[in-house]
Amino acid sequence: MINYSDKKRLPAEQLERLFLSIGWESGREPETLSKALENYGTVYTAWEGSELVGLIAAMDDGYLTAYVHYLLVRADHQNDGIGGELLERLKVRYAAFHKVVLVGEHPAMRFYERHGFTEVTEASPMYFFPQRD
């Protein structure tokens, strides 16, 4: 059985396992990731017993726009409805906002479209990666 939570303080070792289970580099800095998530506007998690199996996190301006930064589900729990449930909870949370923005990687685009997101073709995501020593 999957239980859902909105607590932002998450154990670093759980985050490390979740993020690395799908090859996300953020999992290599679990302590930093744990601290960062405490500053997000919204964090919802999915748990199977004591194991973190899914997470969605968004930043927002408090009124108009929310940005989904993370939506991930452990590989062995994908296609179980967990990602959809996390996304639906986030949509309820931000229902009064003007828009919710996310950058979807191409393999996941159909998933986001099924949940009401529309691809915007006149804009493209852009990134800046500061150099680290």
Protein backbone atom coordinates (compact mmCIF):
# COMPACT_ATOMS: atom_id res chain seq x y z
CA MET A 1 0.00 0.00 0.00
CA ILE A 2 1.27 3.47 -0.92
CA ASN A 3 0.93 6.33 1.56
CA TYR A 4 1.35 9.98 0.63
CA SER A 5 2.83 12.82 2.67
CA ASP A 6 3.45 16.55 2.37
CA LYS A 7 6.39 16.69 4.78
CA LYS A 8 9.41 18.52 3.39
CA ARG A 9 12.04 17.11 5.78
CA LEU A 10 13.20 13.94 4.13
CA PRO A 11 16.00 11.59 5.10
CA ALA A 12 19.02 12.07 2.87
CA GLU A 13 19.58 8.33 2.49
CA GLN A 14 16.00 7.87 1.21
CA LEU A 15 16.47 10.67 -1.31
CA GLU A 16 19.77 9.21 -2.42
CA ARG A 17 18.20 5.80 -3.10
CA LEU A 18 15.20 7.27 -4.92
CA PHE A 19 17.13 9.66 -7.15
CA LEU A 20 19.92 7.21 -7.99
CA SER A 21 17.39 4.44 -8.72
CA ILE A 22 16.49 6.29 -11.91
CA GLY A 23 19.94 7.73 -12.60
CA TRP A 24 19.36 11.33 -11.51
CA GLU A 25 22.62 13.01 -10.57
CA SER A 26 21.02 15.02 -7.73
CA GLY A 27 21.10 11.77 -5.75
CA ARG A 28 24.89 12.09 -5.49
CA GLU A 29 24.40 15.03 -3.12
CA PRO A 30 21.73 13.71 -0.77
CA GLU A 31 22.44 16.05 2.15
CA THR A 32 22.23 19.12 -0.10
CA LEU A 33 19.11 17.74 -1.79
CA SER A 34 17.46 17.19 1.59
CA LYS A 35 18.16 20.78 2.64
CA ALA A 36 17.02 22.16 -0.73
CA LEU A 37 13.65 20.40 -0.60
CA GLU A 38 12.82 22.15 2.67
CA ASN A 39 12.78 25.43 0.71
CA TYR A 40 10.34 24.33 -1.99
CA GLY A 41 6.78 25.65 -1.97
CA THR A 42 5.29 22.18 -2.19
CA VAL A 43 6.67 18.68 -1.74
CA TYR A 44 4.56 15.53 -1.88
CA THR A 45 6.05 12.10 -1.38
CA ALA A 46 4.92 8.51 -1.85
CA TRP A 47 5.96 5.81 0.59
CA GLU A 48 5.72 2.05 0.59
CA GLY A 49 6.20 1.26 4.23
CA SER A 50 9.35 3.10 5.25
CA GLU A 51 10.71 3.36 1.67
CA LEU A 52 10.44 6.55 -0.36
CA VAL A 53 9.18 5.49 -3.80
CA GLY A 54 8.05 8.79 -5.35
CA LEU A 55 8.38 12.55 -5.04
CA ILE A 56 7.10 15.73 -6.66
CA ALA A 57 8.42 19.18 -5.74
CA ALA A 58 7.44 22.62 -7.00
CA MET A 59 8.58 26.18 -6.44
CA ASP A 60 6.05 29.00 -6.64
CA ASP A 61 5.64 32.75 -6.33
CA GLY A 62 2.70 32.40 -3.96
CA TYR A 63 0.00 33.57 -6.37
CA LEU A 64 0.47 33.11 -10.12
CA THR A 65 3.03 30.55 -11.23
CA ALA A 66 4.37 27.27 -9.92
CA TYR A 67 7.33 25.44 -11.42
CA VAL A 68 7.55 21.66 -11.08
CA HIS A 69 11.20 20.89 -10.54
CA TYR A 70 11.04 17.20 -9.64
CA LEU A 71 8.66 14.38 -10.40
CA LEU A 72 10.21 10.98 -10.01
CA VAL A 73 9.10 7.48 -9.15
CA ARG A 74 11.41 4.61 -8.34
CA ALA A 75 11.88 2.45 -11.45
CA ASP A 76 10.25 -0.64 -9.92
CA HIS A 77 7.12 1.40 -9.07
CA GLN A 78 6.66 3.20 -12.38
CA ASN A 79 3.34 2.58 -14.13
CA ASP A 80 1.67 1.91 -10.76
CA GLY A 81 -0.19 5.26 -10.74
CA ILE A 82 2.13 6.92 -8.21
CA GLY A 83 3.39 9.65 -10.54
CA GLY A 84 -0.15 10.46 -11.62
CA GLU A 85 -1.35 10.68 -8.03
CA LEU A 86 1.52 12.99 -7.08
CA LEU A 87 0.84 15.19 -10.10
CA GLU A 88 -2.90 15.35 -9.38
CA ARG A 89 -2.23 16.38 -5.76
CA LEU A 90 0.03 19.15 -7.05
CA LYS A 91 -2.63 20.32 -9.50
CA VAL A 92 -5.17 20.57 -6.67
CA ARG A 93 -2.67 22.53 -4.57
CA TYR A 94 -2.12 25.04 -7.38
CA ALA A 95 -5.67 25.13 -8.79
CA ALA A 96 -6.05 28.88 -8.08
CA PHE A 97 -2.77 29.79 -9.78
CA HIS A 98 -2.51 31.16 -13.32
CA LYS A 99 -0.25 28.32 -14.51
CA VAL A 100 1.89 25.38 -13.52
CA VAL A 101 5.07 24.99 -15.59
CA LEU A 102 7.31 21.97 -16.04
CA VAL A 103 10.02 20.81 -18.39
CA GLY A 104 9.09 17.36 -19.62
CA GLU A 105 11.67 15.11 -21.19
CA HIS A 106 10.42 13.60 -24.43
CA PRO A 107 9.82 10.05 -23.15
CA ALA A 108 7.45 11.49 -20.50
CA MET A 109 5.55 13.95 -22.69
CA ARG A 110 2.52 11.68 -23.24
CA PHE A 111 2.26 11.13 -19.48
CA TYR A 112 2.08 14.89 -18.87
CA GLU A 113 -0.40 15.38 -21.71
CA ARG A 114 -2.69 12.73 -20.17
CA HIS A 115 -2.65 14.86 -17.03
CA GLY A 116 -3.71 18.04 -18.80
CA PHE A 117 -0.38 19.66 -19.64
CA THR A 118 0.11 21.21 -23.07
CA GLU A 119 3.38 21.43 -24.94
CA VAL A 120 4.29 25.02 -25.78
CA THR A 121 6.08 25.04 -29.11
CA GLU A 122 6.89 28.75 -29.21
CA ALA A 123 9.21 28.46 -26.20
CA SER A 124 12.08 26.17 -25.25
CA PRO A 125 13.66 25.42 -21.89
CA MET A 126 17.09 26.89 -21.41
CA TYR A 127 19.66 26.05 -18.78
CA PHE A 128 22.74 27.63 -17.30
CA PHE A 129 25.09 25.35 -15.40
CA PRO A 130 27.59 27.28 -13.21
CA GLN A 131 31.10 25.86 -13.28
CA ARG A 132 32.04 24.07 -10.07
CA ASP A 133 35.54 23.30 -8.92
